[in-house]
Protein backbone atom coordinates (compact mmCIF):
# COMPACT_ATOMS: atom_id res chain seq x y z
CA ASP A 1 2.08 147.62 -130.17
CA GLN A 2 5.15 145.43 -130.30
CA ILE A 3 3.52 142.16 -129.36
CA VAL A 4 3.54 138.94 -131.33
CA ARG A 5 0.28 137.02 -130.98
CA PHE A 6 -0.54 133.54 -132.22
CA TYR A 7 -4.11 132.22 -132.24
CA SER A 8 -5.57 128.78 -132.76
CA ILE A 9 -9.24 129.05 -133.64
CA CYS A 10 -11.64 126.25 -132.78
CA PRO A 11 -13.21 124.77 -135.92
CA VAL A 12 -16.76 125.05 -134.51
CA ASN A 13 -18.53 127.87 -132.73
CA VAL A 14 -20.26 127.22 -129.42
CA PRO A 15 -24.04 127.30 -129.80
CA GLU A 16 -25.92 129.75 -127.57
CA THR A 17 -27.42 126.85 -125.61
CA HIS A 18 -23.95 125.73 -124.50
CA LEU A 19 -22.26 129.07 -123.79
CA ALA A 20 -22.35 128.69 -119.99
CA ALA A 21 -20.96 125.15 -120.02
CA ALA A 22 -18.26 126.07 -122.55
CA ALA A 23 -17.27 129.15 -120.53
CA GLU A 24 -16.96 127.05 -117.38
CA TYR A 25 -14.86 124.46 -119.19
CA LEU A 26 -12.56 127.10 -120.70
CA MET A 27 -12.10 128.93 -117.39
CA ARG A 28 -11.25 125.64 -115.69
CA ALA A 29 -8.79 124.95 -118.52
CA ASN A 30 -7.23 128.43 -118.16
CA PHE A 31 -6.59 128.02 -114.44
CA GLY A 32 -2.93 127.18 -113.98
CA LEU A 33 -1.89 127.55 -117.62
CA LYS A 34 1.58 129.07 -117.74
CA ILE A 35 1.55 130.30 -121.32
CA GLY A 36 -1.55 131.60 -123.07
CA ASN A 37 -5.27 131.50 -122.48
CA PHE A 38 -8.56 130.44 -124.01
CA GLU A 39 -11.04 133.11 -125.09
CA MET A 40 -14.67 132.82 -126.14
CA ASP A 41 -16.78 135.42 -127.92
CA TYR A 42 -20.25 135.40 -126.40
CA GLY A 43 -21.59 137.07 -129.54
CA ASP A 44 -20.85 134.30 -132.02
CA GLY A 45 -19.41 131.49 -129.90
CA GLU A 46 -15.94 131.63 -131.42
CA VAL A 47 -13.32 129.93 -129.24
CA ARG A 48 -9.62 130.54 -129.65
CA TYR A 49 -6.39 129.98 -127.77
CA LYS A 50 -3.90 132.84 -127.66
CA THR A 51 -0.21 132.90 -126.92
CA SER A 52 1.69 136.16 -127.07
CA LEU A 53 5.09 137.65 -126.58
CA ASP A 54 6.11 141.22 -125.82
CA VAL A 55 9.00 141.99 -128.16
CA GLU A 56 9.54 145.64 -127.35
CA ASN A 57 13.28 146.29 -127.06
CA ALA A 58 13.95 142.59 -127.69
CA VAL A 59 15.54 140.60 -130.46
CA LEU A 60 12.89 138.44 -132.07
CA SER A 61 14.23 135.02 -132.95
CA ARG A 62 12.99 131.88 -134.64
CA GLU A 63 13.25 130.11 -131.28
CA LEU A 64 10.99 132.60 -129.53
CA ILE A 65 8.35 132.32 -132.25
CA SER A 66 8.66 128.54 -132.24
CA ASN A 67 8.16 128.46 -128.46
CA ILE A 68 4.86 130.35 -128.52
CA VAL A 69 3.56 128.48 -131.56
CA ASN A 70 4.43 125.06 -130.14
CA ALA A 71 2.98 125.90 -126.72
CA ASN A 72 -0.19 127.14 -128.41
CA LEU A 73 -0.67 124.05 -130.56
CA ALA A 74 0.09 121.62 -127.73
CA THR A 75 -2.38 123.29 -125.35
CA THR A 76 -5.08 123.59 -128.00
CA ASN A 77 -4.68 119.91 -128.87
CA ARG A 78 -4.82 118.93 -125.22
CA TYR A 79 -8.08 120.74 -124.40
CA LEU A 80 -10.07 120.77 -127.64
CA GLY A 81 -11.37 117.20 -127.25
CA GLY A 82 -12.79 118.02 -123.82
CA LEU A 83 -14.58 121.05 -125.21
CA PHE A 84 -16.14 118.88 -127.91
CA GLU A 85 -17.33 116.44 -125.25
CA VAL A 86 -18.96 119.31 -123.35
CA LEU A 87 -20.65 120.51 -126.55
CA ASN A 88 -21.58 117.23 -128.23
CA GLU A 89 -22.02 114.78 -125.37
CA ASN A 90 -23.17 117.22 -122.65
CA LEU A 91 -20.32 116.06 -120.41
CA PRO A 92 -20.23 118.35 -117.35
CA PRO A 93 -17.27 120.77 -117.61
CA ILE A 94 -15.67 119.55 -114.37
CA GLU A 95 -15.71 115.96 -115.65
CA ALA A 96 -14.29 117.00 -119.01
CA ILE A 97 -11.41 118.85 -117.31
CA GLN A 98 -10.71 115.93 -114.99
CA LYS A 99 -10.63 113.63 -117.99
CA VAL A 100 -8.27 115.89 -119.96
CA GLU A 101 -5.98 116.67 -117.04
CA GLY A 102 -6.05 113.16 -115.63
CA SER A 103 -7.18 114.24 -112.18
């Protein structure tokens, strides 16, 4: 497996009572993302954002690593606040996404 993966892990796990709302929010966030995706473990509520790069037969460079790390951190920072609003303020997922994406 010659793939480089970088994960940002959400500092709180989604409680069982909010799994459906969090899943909706994360799927809405994933739609249209060019690099990476959000994942949620229904078992323990862990949320993470993953960026990856297939490096088979490629020259791995500092720039390539920097690109996936920076994209990961920027996307995580953009969407994490909306997830917290869904979890802590019961903001409907569609409203949270509209707020984050400015639509």
